[in-house]
Full PDB file with SEQRES, HELIX, SHEET, SSBOND, CRYST1, ORIGX, SCALE, CONECT and MASTER records, all heavy atoms in Angstrom:
SEQRES   1 A   37  GLN PHE VAL GLY THR TYR PHE ILE GLY ASP ASN GLN LEU          
SEQRES   2 A   37  GLN ALA ASP SER TYR SER TYR TYR ALA LYS ALA PRO SER          
SEQRES   3 A   37  PRO VAL GLU GLY ASN VAL SER PHE SER VAL THR                  
SHEET    1 AA1 3 PHE A   2  ILE A   8  0                                        
SHEET    2 AA1 3 LEU A  13  ALA A  22 -1                                        
SHEET    3 AA1 3 GLY A  30  VAL A  36 -1                                        
CRYST1    1.000    1.000    1.000  90.00  90.00  90.00 P 1           1          
ORIGX1      1.000000  0.000000  0.000000        0.00000                         
ORIGX2      0.000000  1.000000  0.000000        0.00000                         
ORIGX3      0.000000  0.000000  1.000000        0.00000                         
SCALE1      1.000000  0.000000  0.000000        0.00000                         
SCALE2      0.000000  1.000000  0.000000        0.00000                         
SCALE3      0.000000  0.000000  1.000000        0.00000                         
ATOM      1  N   GLN A   1      -1.954  -4.128   7.083  1.00  0.00           N  
ATOM      2  CA  GLN A   1      -2.240  -2.987   8.022  1.00  0.00           C  
ATOM      3  C   GLN A   1      -2.487  -1.693   7.333  1.00  0.00           C  
ATOM      4  O   GLN A   1      -1.704  -1.286   6.437  1.00  0.00           O  
ATOM      5  CB  GLN A   1      -1.086  -2.843   8.957  1.00  0.00           C  
ATOM      6  CG  GLN A   1      -0.742  -4.154   9.765  1.00  0.00           C  
ATOM      7  CD  GLN A   1      -1.995  -4.458  10.751  1.00  0.00           C  
ATOM      8  OE1 GLN A   1      -2.307  -3.623  11.532  1.00  0.00           O  
ATOM      9  NE2 GLN A   1      -2.384  -5.634  10.811  1.00  0.00           N  
ATOM     10  N   PHE A   2      -3.464  -0.986   7.691  1.00  0.00           N  
ATOM     11  CA  PHE A   2      -3.730   0.350   7.112  1.00  0.00           C  
ATOM     12  C   PHE A   2      -2.793   1.359   7.597  1.00  0.00           C  
ATOM     13  O   PHE A   2      -2.516   1.536   8.760  1.00  0.00           O  
ATOM     14  CB  PHE A   2      -5.138   0.800   7.464  1.00  0.00           C  
ATOM     15  CG  PHE A   2      -5.522   2.240   7.011  1.00  0.00           C  
ATOM     16  CD1 PHE A   2      -5.787   2.329   5.613  1.00  0.00           C  
ATOM     17  CD2 PHE A   2      -5.465   3.302   7.854  1.00  0.00           C  
ATOM     18  CE1 PHE A   2      -6.043   3.627   5.205  1.00  0.00           C  
ATOM     19  CE2 PHE A   2      -5.791   4.512   7.358  1.00  0.00           C  
ATOM     20  CZ  PHE A   2      -6.150   4.705   6.021  1.00  0.00           C  
ATOM     21  N   VAL A   3      -2.045   2.081   6.672  1.00  0.00           N  
ATOM     22  CA  VAL A   3      -1.075   3.029   6.976  1.00  0.00           C  
ATOM     23  C   VAL A   3      -1.525   4.433   7.069  1.00  0.00           C  
ATOM     24  O   VAL A   3      -1.319   5.188   7.940  1.00  0.00           O  
ATOM     25  CB  VAL A   3       0.204   2.954   6.041  1.00  0.00           C  
ATOM     26  CG1 VAL A   3       1.194   3.982   6.293  1.00  0.00           C  
ATOM     27  CG2 VAL A   3       0.766   1.540   6.023  1.00  0.00           C  
ATOM     28  N   GLY A   4      -2.331   4.843   6.028  1.00  0.00           N  
ATOM     29  CA  GLY A   4      -2.886   6.113   5.984  1.00  0.00           C  
ATOM     30  C   GLY A   4      -3.469   6.517   4.654  1.00  0.00           C  
ATOM     31  O   GLY A   4      -3.315   5.771   3.671  1.00  0.00           O  
ATOM     32  N   THR A   5      -4.123   7.608   4.527  1.00  0.00           N  
ATOM     33  CA  THR A   5      -4.632   8.168   3.328  1.00  0.00           C  
ATOM     34  C   THR A   5      -3.709   9.319   2.857  1.00  0.00           C  
ATOM     35  O   THR A   5      -3.378  10.181   3.762  1.00  0.00           O  
ATOM     36  CB  THR A   5      -6.216   8.547   3.493  1.00  0.00           C  
ATOM     37  OG1 THR A   5      -6.891   7.459   3.774  1.00  0.00           O  
ATOM     38  CG2 THR A   5      -6.605   9.235   2.188  1.00  0.00           C  
ATOM     39  N   TYR A   6      -3.342   9.355   1.693  1.00  0.00           N  
ATOM     40  CA  TYR A   6      -2.562  10.461   1.129  1.00  0.00           C  
ATOM     41  C   TYR A   6      -3.127  11.026  -0.235  1.00  0.00           C  
ATOM     42  O   TYR A   6      -4.041  10.389  -0.643  1.00  0.00           O  
ATOM     43  CB  TYR A   6      -1.047  10.036   0.918  1.00  0.00           C  
ATOM     44  CG  TYR A   6      -0.870   9.004  -0.146  1.00  0.00           C  
ATOM     45  CD1 TYR A   6      -0.622   9.338  -1.468  1.00  0.00           C  
ATOM     46  CD2 TYR A   6      -0.928   7.607   0.139  1.00  0.00           C  
ATOM     47  CE1 TYR A   6      -0.423   8.474  -2.533  1.00  0.00           C  
ATOM     48  CE2 TYR A   6      -0.603   6.771  -0.824  1.00  0.00           C  
ATOM     49  CZ  TYR A   6      -0.428   7.149  -2.174  1.00  0.00           C  
ATOM     50  OH  TYR A   6      -0.179   6.201  -3.081  1.00  0.00           O  
ATOM     51  N   PHE A   7      -2.578  12.157  -0.636  1.00  0.00           N  
ATOM     52  CA  PHE A   7      -3.097  12.675  -1.888  1.00  0.00           C  
ATOM     53  C   PHE A   7      -1.944  13.090  -2.714  1.00  0.00           C  
ATOM     54  O   PHE A   7      -0.814  13.375  -2.167  1.00  0.00           O  
ATOM     55  CB  PHE A   7      -4.128  13.823  -1.615  1.00  0.00           C  
ATOM     56  CG  PHE A   7      -3.367  15.064  -0.880  1.00  0.00           C  
ATOM     57  CD1 PHE A   7      -2.710  16.094  -1.590  1.00  0.00           C  
ATOM     58  CD2 PHE A   7      -3.580  15.145   0.519  1.00  0.00           C  
ATOM     59  CE1 PHE A   7      -2.177  17.033  -0.934  1.00  0.00           C  
ATOM     60  CE2 PHE A   7      -3.061  16.307   1.154  1.00  0.00           C  
ATOM     61  CZ  PHE A   7      -2.298  17.277   0.503  1.00  0.00           C  
ATOM     62  N   ILE A   8      -2.158  13.139  -3.983  1.00  0.00           N  
ATOM     63  CA  ILE A   8      -1.199  13.459  -4.991  1.00  0.00           C  
ATOM     64  C   ILE A   8      -1.665  14.718  -5.730  1.00  0.00           C  
ATOM     65  O   ILE A   8      -2.834  14.940  -5.983  1.00  0.00           O  
ATOM     66  CB  ILE A   8      -0.971  12.375  -6.020  1.00  0.00           C  
ATOM     67  CG1 ILE A   8      -0.387  11.129  -5.357  1.00  0.00           C  
ATOM     68  CG2 ILE A   8      -0.023  12.835  -7.237  1.00  0.00           C  
ATOM     69  CD1 ILE A   8      -0.296   9.962  -6.362  1.00  0.00           C  
ATOM     70  N   GLY A   9      -0.747  15.719  -5.944  1.00  0.00           N  
ATOM     71  CA  GLY A   9      -1.091  16.942  -6.547  1.00  0.00           C  
ATOM     72  C   GLY A   9      -1.816  17.746  -5.565  1.00  0.00           C  
ATOM     73  O   GLY A   9      -1.692  17.625  -4.262  1.00  0.00           O  
ATOM     74  N   ASP A  10      -2.636  18.734  -6.006  1.00  0.00           N  
ATOM     75  CA  ASP A  10      -3.463  19.690  -5.182  1.00  0.00           C  
ATOM     76  C   ASP A  10      -4.696  18.886  -4.739  1.00  0.00           C  
ATOM     77  O   ASP A  10      -5.817  19.208  -5.192  1.00  0.00           O  
ATOM     78  CB  ASP A  10      -3.878  20.880  -5.955  1.00  0.00           C  
ATOM     79  CG  ASP A  10      -4.489  22.031  -5.166  1.00  0.00           C  
ATOM     80  OD1 ASP A  10      -4.491  21.767  -3.870  1.00  0.00           O  
ATOM     81  OD2 ASP A  10      -5.043  22.939  -5.683  1.00  0.00           O  
ATOM     82  N   ASN A  11      -4.513  17.812  -4.017  1.00  0.00           N  
ATOM     83  CA  ASN A  11      -5.627  16.958  -3.498  1.00  0.00           C  
ATOM     84  C   ASN A  11      -6.457  16.415  -4.672  1.00  0.00           C  
ATOM     85  O   ASN A  11      -7.718  16.285  -4.588  1.00  0.00           O  
ATOM     86  CB  ASN A  11      -6.499  17.785  -2.463  1.00  0.00           C  
ATOM     87  CG  ASN A  11      -7.228  16.878  -1.560  1.00  0.00           C  
ATOM     88  OD1 ASN A  11      -6.830  15.705  -1.295  1.00  0.00           O  
ATOM     89  ND2 ASN A  11      -8.316  17.466  -0.905  1.00  0.00           N  
ATOM     90  N   GLN A  12      -5.844  16.100  -5.728  1.00  0.00           N  
ATOM     91  CA  GLN A  12      -6.526  15.689  -6.929  1.00  0.00           C  
ATOM     92  C   GLN A  12      -6.726  14.190  -6.907  1.00  0.00           C  
ATOM     93  O   GLN A  12      -7.627  13.652  -7.584  1.00  0.00           O  
ATOM     94  CB  GLN A  12      -5.673  16.111  -8.142  1.00  0.00           C  
ATOM     95  CG  GLN A  12      -5.624  17.588  -8.441  1.00  0.00           C  
ATOM     96  CD  GLN A  12      -4.683  17.927  -9.507  1.00  0.00           C  
ATOM     97  OE1 GLN A  12      -3.719  17.377  -9.759  1.00  0.00           O  
ATOM     98  NE2 GLN A  12      -5.130  18.932 -10.265  1.00  0.00           N  
ATOM     99  N   LEU A  13      -5.945  13.473  -6.272  1.00  0.00           N  
ATOM    100  CA  LEU A  13      -6.024  11.990  -6.167  1.00  0.00           C  
ATOM    101  C   LEU A  13      -5.786  11.507  -4.748  1.00  0.00           C  
ATOM    102  O   LEU A  13      -4.686  11.717  -4.290  1.00  0.00           O  
ATOM    103  CB  LEU A  13      -5.176  11.248  -7.214  1.00  0.00           C  
ATOM    104  CG  LEU A  13      -5.105   9.745  -7.033  1.00  0.00           C  
ATOM    105  CD1 LEU A  13      -6.525   9.117  -7.476  1.00  0.00           C  
ATOM    106  CD2 LEU A  13      -4.044   9.200  -7.877  1.00  0.00           C  
ATOM    107  N   GLN A  14      -6.865  10.986  -4.218  1.00  0.00           N  
ATOM    108  CA  GLN A  14      -6.515  10.388  -2.794  1.00  0.00           C  
ATOM    109  C   GLN A  14      -6.347   8.904  -2.888  1.00  0.00           C  
ATOM    110  O   GLN A  14      -7.016   8.230  -3.709  1.00  0.00           O  
ATOM    111  CB  GLN A  14      -7.751  10.693  -1.919  1.00  0.00           C  
ATOM    112  CG  GLN A  14      -7.839  12.203  -1.460  1.00  0.00           C  
ATOM    113  CD  GLN A  14      -8.868  12.519  -0.391  1.00  0.00           C  
ATOM    114  OE1 GLN A  14      -9.807  11.571  -0.171  1.00  0.00           O  
ATOM    115  NE2 GLN A  14      -8.920  13.636   0.162  1.00  0.00           N  
ATOM    116  N   ALA A  15      -5.471   8.321  -2.041  1.00  0.00           N  
ATOM    117  CA  ALA A  15      -5.207   7.017  -2.131  1.00  0.00           C  
ATOM    118  C   ALA A  15      -4.937   6.517  -0.733  1.00  0.00           C  
ATOM    119  O   ALA A  15      -4.485   7.211   0.218  1.00  0.00           O  
ATOM    120  CB  ALA A  15      -4.028   6.684  -2.949  1.00  0.00           C  
ATOM    121  N   ASP A  16      -5.303   5.233  -0.502  1.00  0.00           N  
ATOM    122  CA  ASP A  16      -4.995   4.571   0.782  1.00  0.00           C  
ATOM    123  C   ASP A  16      -3.776   3.728   0.744  1.00  0.00           C  
ATOM    124  O   ASP A  16      -3.686   2.883  -0.281  1.00  0.00           O  
ATOM    125  CB  ASP A  16      -6.307   3.731   1.210  1.00  0.00           C  
ATOM    126  CG  ASP A  16      -7.486   4.564   1.473  1.00  0.00           C  
ATOM    127  OD1 ASP A  16      -7.302   5.738   1.960  1.00  0.00           O  
ATOM    128  OD2 ASP A  16      -8.592   4.166   1.051  1.00  0.00           O  
ATOM    129  N   SER A  17      -3.022   3.648   1.734  1.00  0.00           N  
ATOM    130  CA  SER A  17      -1.788   2.943   1.697  1.00  0.00           C  
ATOM    131  C   SER A  17      -1.850   1.781   2.862  1.00  0.00           C  
ATOM    132  O   SER A  17      -2.388   1.956   3.860  1.00  0.00           O  
ATOM    133  CB  SER A  17      -0.652   3.881   2.057  1.00  0.00           C  
ATOM    134  OG  SER A  17       0.592   3.203   2.050  1.00  0.00           O  
ATOM    135  N   TYR A  18      -1.220   0.647   2.505  1.00  0.00           N  
ATOM    136  CA  TYR A  18      -1.322  -0.498   3.391  1.00  0.00           C  
ATOM    137  C   TYR A  18       0.037  -1.089   3.352  1.00  0.00           C  
ATOM    138  O   TYR A  18       0.939  -0.949   2.425  1.00  0.00           O  
ATOM    139  CB  TYR A  18      -2.296  -1.608   2.823  1.00  0.00           C  
ATOM    140  CG  TYR A  18      -3.711  -1.062   2.813  1.00  0.00           C  
ATOM    141  CD1 TYR A  18      -4.207  -0.434   1.705  1.00  0.00           C  
ATOM    142  CD2 TYR A  18      -4.593  -1.229   3.784  1.00  0.00           C  
ATOM    143  CE1 TYR A  18      -5.456   0.017   1.547  1.00  0.00           C  
ATOM    144  CE2 TYR A  18      -5.909  -0.860   3.732  1.00  0.00           C  
ATOM    145  CZ  TYR A  18      -6.280  -0.172   2.604  1.00  0.00           C  
ATOM    146  OH  TYR A  18      -7.599   0.342   2.525  1.00  0.00           O  
ATOM    147  N   SER A  19       0.413  -1.963   4.309  1.00  0.00           N  
ATOM    148  CA  SER A  19       1.556  -2.751   4.321  1.00  0.00           C  
ATOM    149  C   SER A  19       1.316  -4.045   5.010  1.00  0.00           C  
ATOM    150  O   SER A  19       0.455  -4.258   5.845  1.00  0.00           O  
ATOM    151  CB  SER A  19       2.719  -2.025   5.119  1.00  0.00           C  
ATOM    152  OG  SER A  19       2.407  -1.929   6.439  1.00  0.00           O  
ATOM    153  N   TYR A  20       2.263  -5.090   4.547  1.00  0.00           N  
ATOM    154  CA  TYR A  20       2.013  -6.419   5.216  1.00  0.00           C  
ATOM    155  C   TYR A  20       3.278  -7.196   4.811  1.00  0.00           C  
ATOM    156  O   TYR A  20       4.150  -6.731   4.068  1.00  0.00           O  
ATOM    157  CB  TYR A  20       0.874  -7.164   4.761  1.00  0.00           C  
ATOM    158  CG  TYR A  20       0.819  -7.601   3.268  1.00  0.00           C  
ATOM    159  CD1 TYR A  20       1.198  -8.834   2.819  1.00  0.00           C  
ATOM    160  CD2 TYR A  20       0.527  -6.724   2.228  1.00  0.00           C  
ATOM    161  CE1 TYR A  20       1.237  -9.168   1.490  1.00  0.00           C  
ATOM    162  CE2 TYR A  20       0.576  -7.012   0.939  1.00  0.00           C  
ATOM    163  CZ  TYR A  20       1.036  -8.283   0.567  1.00  0.00           C  
ATOM    164  OH  TYR A  20       0.899  -8.631  -0.750  1.00  0.00           O  
ATOM    165  N   TYR A  21       3.420  -8.346   5.487  1.00  0.00           N  
ATOM    166  CA  TYR A  21       4.620  -9.197   5.157  1.00  0.00           C  
ATOM    167  C   TYR A  21       4.100 -10.416   4.319  1.00  0.00           C  
ATOM    168  O   TYR A  21       3.263 -11.154   4.757  1.00  0.00           O  
ATOM    169  CB  TYR A  21       5.212  -9.716   6.478  1.00  0.00           C  
ATOM    170  CG  TYR A  21       6.530 -10.513   6.310  1.00  0.00           C  
ATOM    171  CD1 TYR A  21       7.711  -9.753   6.157  1.00  0.00           C  
ATOM    172  CD2 TYR A  21       6.579 -11.870   6.156  1.00  0.00           C  
ATOM    173  CE1 TYR A  21       8.972 -10.296   5.963  1.00  0.00           C  
ATOM    174  CE2 TYR A  21       7.765 -12.532   5.947  1.00  0.00           C  
ATOM    175  CZ  TYR A  21       8.974 -11.811   5.919  1.00  0.00           C  
ATOM    176  OH  TYR A  21      10.141 -12.372   5.663  1.00  0.00           O  
ATOM    177  N   ALA A  22       4.687 -10.572   3.144  1.00  0.00           N  
ATOM    178  CA  ALA A  22       4.257 -11.528   2.213  1.00  0.00           C  
ATOM    179  C   ALA A  22       5.095 -12.870   2.373  1.00  0.00           C  
ATOM    180  O   ALA A  22       6.243 -12.758   2.809  1.00  0.00           O  
ATOM    181  CB  ALA A  22       4.373 -11.157   0.755  1.00  0.00           C  
ATOM    182  N   LYS A  23       4.450 -13.926   2.200  1.00  0.00           N  
ATOM    183  CA  LYS A  23       5.143 -15.268   2.326  1.00  0.00           C  
ATOM    184  C   LYS A  23       4.367 -16.148   1.294  1.00  0.00           C  
ATOM    185  O   LYS A  23       3.430 -15.917   0.702  1.00  0.00           O  
ATOM    186  CB  LYS A  23       5.189 -15.821   3.750  1.00  0.00           C  
ATOM    187  CG  LYS A  23       3.808 -15.828   4.379  1.00  0.00           C  
ATOM    188  CD  LYS A  23       4.007 -16.096   5.917  1.00  0.00           C  
ATOM    189  CE  LYS A  23       2.602 -16.069   6.660  1.00  0.00           C  
ATOM    190  NZ  LYS A  23       2.707 -16.274   8.069  1.00  0.00           N  
ATOM    191  N   ALA A  24       4.918 -17.455   1.365  1.00  0.00           N  
ATOM    192  CA  ALA A  24       4.296 -18.500   0.427  1.00  0.00           C  
ATOM    193  C   ALA A  24       2.811 -18.513   0.703  1.00  0.00           C  
ATOM    194  O   ALA A  24       2.309 -18.427   1.924  1.00  0.00           O  
ATOM    195  CB  ALA A  24       4.904 -19.919   0.568  1.00  0.00           C  
ATOM    196  N   PRO A  25       1.882 -18.718  -0.394  1.00  0.00           N  
ATOM    197  CA  PRO A  25       2.217 -19.043  -1.754  1.00  0.00           C  
ATOM    198  C   PRO A  25       2.775 -18.027  -2.602  1.00  0.00           C  
ATOM    199  O   PRO A  25       2.952 -18.168  -3.827  1.00  0.00           O  
ATOM    200  CB  PRO A  25       0.891 -19.592  -2.251  1.00  0.00           C  
ATOM    201  CG  PRO A  25      -0.185 -18.816  -1.513  1.00  0.00           C  
ATOM    202  CD  PRO A  25       0.439 -18.594  -0.105  1.00  0.00           C  
ATOM    203  N   SER A  26       2.849 -16.836  -2.100  1.00  0.00           N  
ATOM    204  CA  SER A  26       3.504 -15.733  -2.979  1.00  0.00           C  
ATOM    205  C   SER A  26       4.942 -16.190  -3.465  1.00  0.00           C  
ATOM    206  O   SER A  26       5.637 -16.727  -2.665  1.00  0.00           O  
ATOM    207  CB  SER A  26       3.548 -14.438  -2.191  1.00  0.00           C  
ATOM    208  OG  SER A  26       4.340 -13.488  -2.937  1.00  0.00           O  
ATOM    209  N   PRO A  27       5.296 -15.922  -4.702  1.00  0.00           N  
ATOM    210  CA  PRO A  27       6.686 -16.263  -5.090  1.00  0.00           C  
ATOM    211  C   PRO A  27       7.767 -15.449  -4.527  1.00  0.00           C  
ATOM    212  O   PRO A  27       8.952 -15.707  -4.575  1.00  0.00           O  
ATOM    213  CB  PRO A  27       6.653 -16.025  -6.578  1.00  0.00           C  
ATOM    214  CG  PRO A  27       5.245 -15.990  -7.008  1.00  0.00           C  
ATOM    215  CD  PRO A  27       4.514 -15.469  -5.743  1.00  0.00           C  
ATOM    216  N   VAL A  28       7.329 -14.421  -3.718  1.00  0.00           N  
ATOM    217  CA  VAL A  28       8.289 -13.580  -2.964  1.00  0.00           C  
ATOM    218  C   VAL A  28       7.937 -13.379  -1.599  1.00  0.00           C  
ATOM    219  O   VAL A  28       6.746 -13.298  -1.214  1.00  0.00           O  
ATOM    220  CB  VAL A  28       8.273 -12.084  -3.721  1.00  0.00           C  
ATOM    221  CG1 VAL A  28       9.245 -11.145  -2.909  1.00  0.00           C  
ATOM    222  CG2 VAL A  28       8.686 -12.185  -5.181  1.00  0.00           C  
ATOM    223  N   GLU A  29       9.034 -13.524  -0.770  1.00  0.00           N  
ATOM    224  CA  GLU A  29       8.740 -13.341   0.701  1.00  0.00           C  
ATOM    225  C   GLU A  29       9.438 -11.992   1.151  1.00  0.00           C  
ATOM    226  O   GLU A  29      10.658 -11.796   0.772  1.00  0.00           O  
ATOM    227  CB  GLU A  29       9.356 -14.473   1.516  1.00  0.00           C  
ATOM    228  CG  GLU A  29       9.253 -14.266   2.993  1.00  0.00           C  
ATOM    229  CD  GLU A  29       9.787 -15.398   3.800  1.00  0.00           C  
ATOM    230  OE1 GLU A  29      10.064 -16.568   3.222  1.00  0.00           O  
ATOM    231  OE2 GLU A  29       9.957 -15.274   5.012  1.00  0.00           O  
ATOM    232  N   GLY A  30       8.645 -11.199   1.944  1.00  0.00           N  
ATOM    233  CA  GLY A  30       9.251  -9.915   2.325  1.00  0.00           C  
ATOM    234  C   GLY A  30       8.218  -8.880   2.631  1.00  0.00           C  
ATOM    235  O   GLY A  30       7.058  -9.101   2.700  1.00  0.00           O  
ATOM    236  N   ASN A  31       8.653  -7.684   2.871  1.00  0.00           N  
ATOM    237  CA  ASN A  31       7.726  -6.517   3.181  1.00  0.00           C  
ATOM    238  C   ASN A  31       7.103  -5.983   1.909  1.00  0.00           C  
ATOM    239  O   ASN A  31       7.850  -5.709   0.970  1.00  0.00           O  
ATOM    240  CB  ASN A  31       8.539  -5.493   3.978  1.00  0.00           C  
ATOM    241  CG  ASN A  31       9.155  -5.920   5.225  1.00  0.00           C  
ATOM    242  OD1 ASN A  31       8.322  -6.489   6.080  1.00  0.00           O  
ATOM    243  ND2 ASN A  31      10.296  -5.747   5.515  1.00  0.00           N  
ATOM    244  N   VAL A  32       5.879  -5.670   1.986  1.00  0.00           N  
ATOM    245  CA  VAL A  32       5.116  -5.151   0.872  1.00  0.00           C  
ATOM    246  C   VAL A  32       4.331  -3.885   1.257  1.00  0.00           C  
ATOM    247  O   VAL A  32       3.686  -3.907   2.348  1.00  0.00           O  
ATOM    248  CB  VAL A  32       4.023  -6.194   0.246  1.00  0.00           C  
ATOM    249  CG1 VAL A  32       3.321  -5.480  -0.829  1.00  0.00           C  
ATOM    250  CG2 VAL A  32       4.783  -7.391  -0.126  1.00  0.00           C  
ATOM    251  N   SER A  33       4.480  -2.844   0.592  1.00  0.00           N  
ATOM    252  CA  SER A  33       3.681  -1.630   0.783  1.00  0.00           C  
ATOM    253  C   SER A  33       3.049  -1.330  -0.591  1.00  0.00           C  
ATOM    254  O   SER A  33       3.597  -1.329  -1.594  1.00  0.00           O  
ATOM    255  CB  SER A  33       4.620  -0.384   1.091  1.00  0.00           C  
ATOM    256  OG  SER A  33       5.323  -0.549   2.344  1.00  0.00           O  
ATOM    257  N   PHE A  34       1.710  -1.178  -0.478  1.00  0.00           N  
ATOM    258  CA  PHE A  34       0.906  -0.800  -1.694  1.00  0.00           C  
ATOM    259  C   PHE A  34      -0.060   0.148  -1.387  1.00  0.00           C  
ATOM    260  O   PHE A  34      -0.552   0.429  -0.253  1.00  0.00           O  
ATOM    261  CB  PHE A  34       0.315  -2.203  -2.207  1.00  0.00           C  
ATOM    262  CG  PHE A  34      -0.798  -2.677  -1.287  1.00  0.00           C  
ATOM    263  CD1 PHE A  34      -2.163  -2.474  -1.678  1.00  0.00           C  
ATOM    264  CD2 PHE A  34      -0.483  -3.503  -0.273  1.00  0.00           C  
ATOM    265  CE1 PHE A  34      -3.115  -2.973  -0.932  1.00  0.00           C  
ATOM    266  CE2 PHE A  34      -1.584  -4.042   0.511  1.00  0.00           C  
ATOM    267  CZ  PHE A  34      -2.860  -3.758   0.190  1.00  0.00           C  
ATOM    268  N   SER A  35      -0.626   0.816  -2.486  1.00  0.00           N  
ATOM    269  CA  SER A  35      -1.662   1.879  -2.417  1.00  0.00           C  
ATOM    270  C   SER A  35      -2.669   1.595  -3.465  1.00  0.00           C  
ATOM    271  O   SER A  35      -2.451   1.021  -4.562  1.00  0.00           O  
ATOM    272  CB  SER A  35      -1.000   3.200  -2.685  1.00  0.00           C  
ATOM    273  OG  SER A  35      -0.055   3.527  -1.665  1.00  0.00           O  
ATOM    274  N   VAL A  36      -3.886   1.885  -3.109  1.00  0.00           N  
ATOM    275  CA  VAL A  36      -5.040   1.953  -4.029  1.00  0.00           C  
ATOM    276  C   VAL A  36      -5.843   3.229  -3.967  1.00  0.00           C  
ATOM    277  O   VAL A  36      -5.674   3.880  -2.851  1.00  0.00           O  
ATOM    278  CB  VAL A  36      -6.047   0.821  -3.670  1.00  0.00           C  
ATOM    279  CG1 VAL A  36      -5.342  -0.582  -3.861  1.00  0.00           C  
ATOM    280  CG2 VAL A  36      -6.572   0.831  -2.301  1.00  0.00           C  
ATOM    281  N   THR A  37      -6.552   3.571  -5.029  1.00  0.00           N  
ATOM    282  CA  THR A  37      -7.320   4.845  -4.890  1.00  0.00           C  
ATOM    283  C   THR A  37      -8.273   4.725  -3.814  1.00  0.00           C  
ATOM    284  O   THR A  37      -8.939   3.682  -3.548  1.00  0.00           O  
ATOM    285  CB  THR A  37      -8.011   5.090  -6.261  1.00  0.00           C  
ATOM    286  OG1 THR A  37      -8.861   4.060  -6.513  1.00  0.00           O  
ATOM    287  CG2 THR A  37      -6.944   5.354  -7.434  1.00  0.00           C  
TER     288      THR A  37                                                      
MASTER        0    0    0    0    3    0    0    6  287    1    0    3          
END                                                                             
């Protein structure tokens, strides 16, 4: 799920944030939040 777009510093790096629930085949089950540029 898309969470939002944020920035670091004086708007120098914008990134998009997402979240989801991981399960098998992932070796870890649980809540995941991650960001990409």
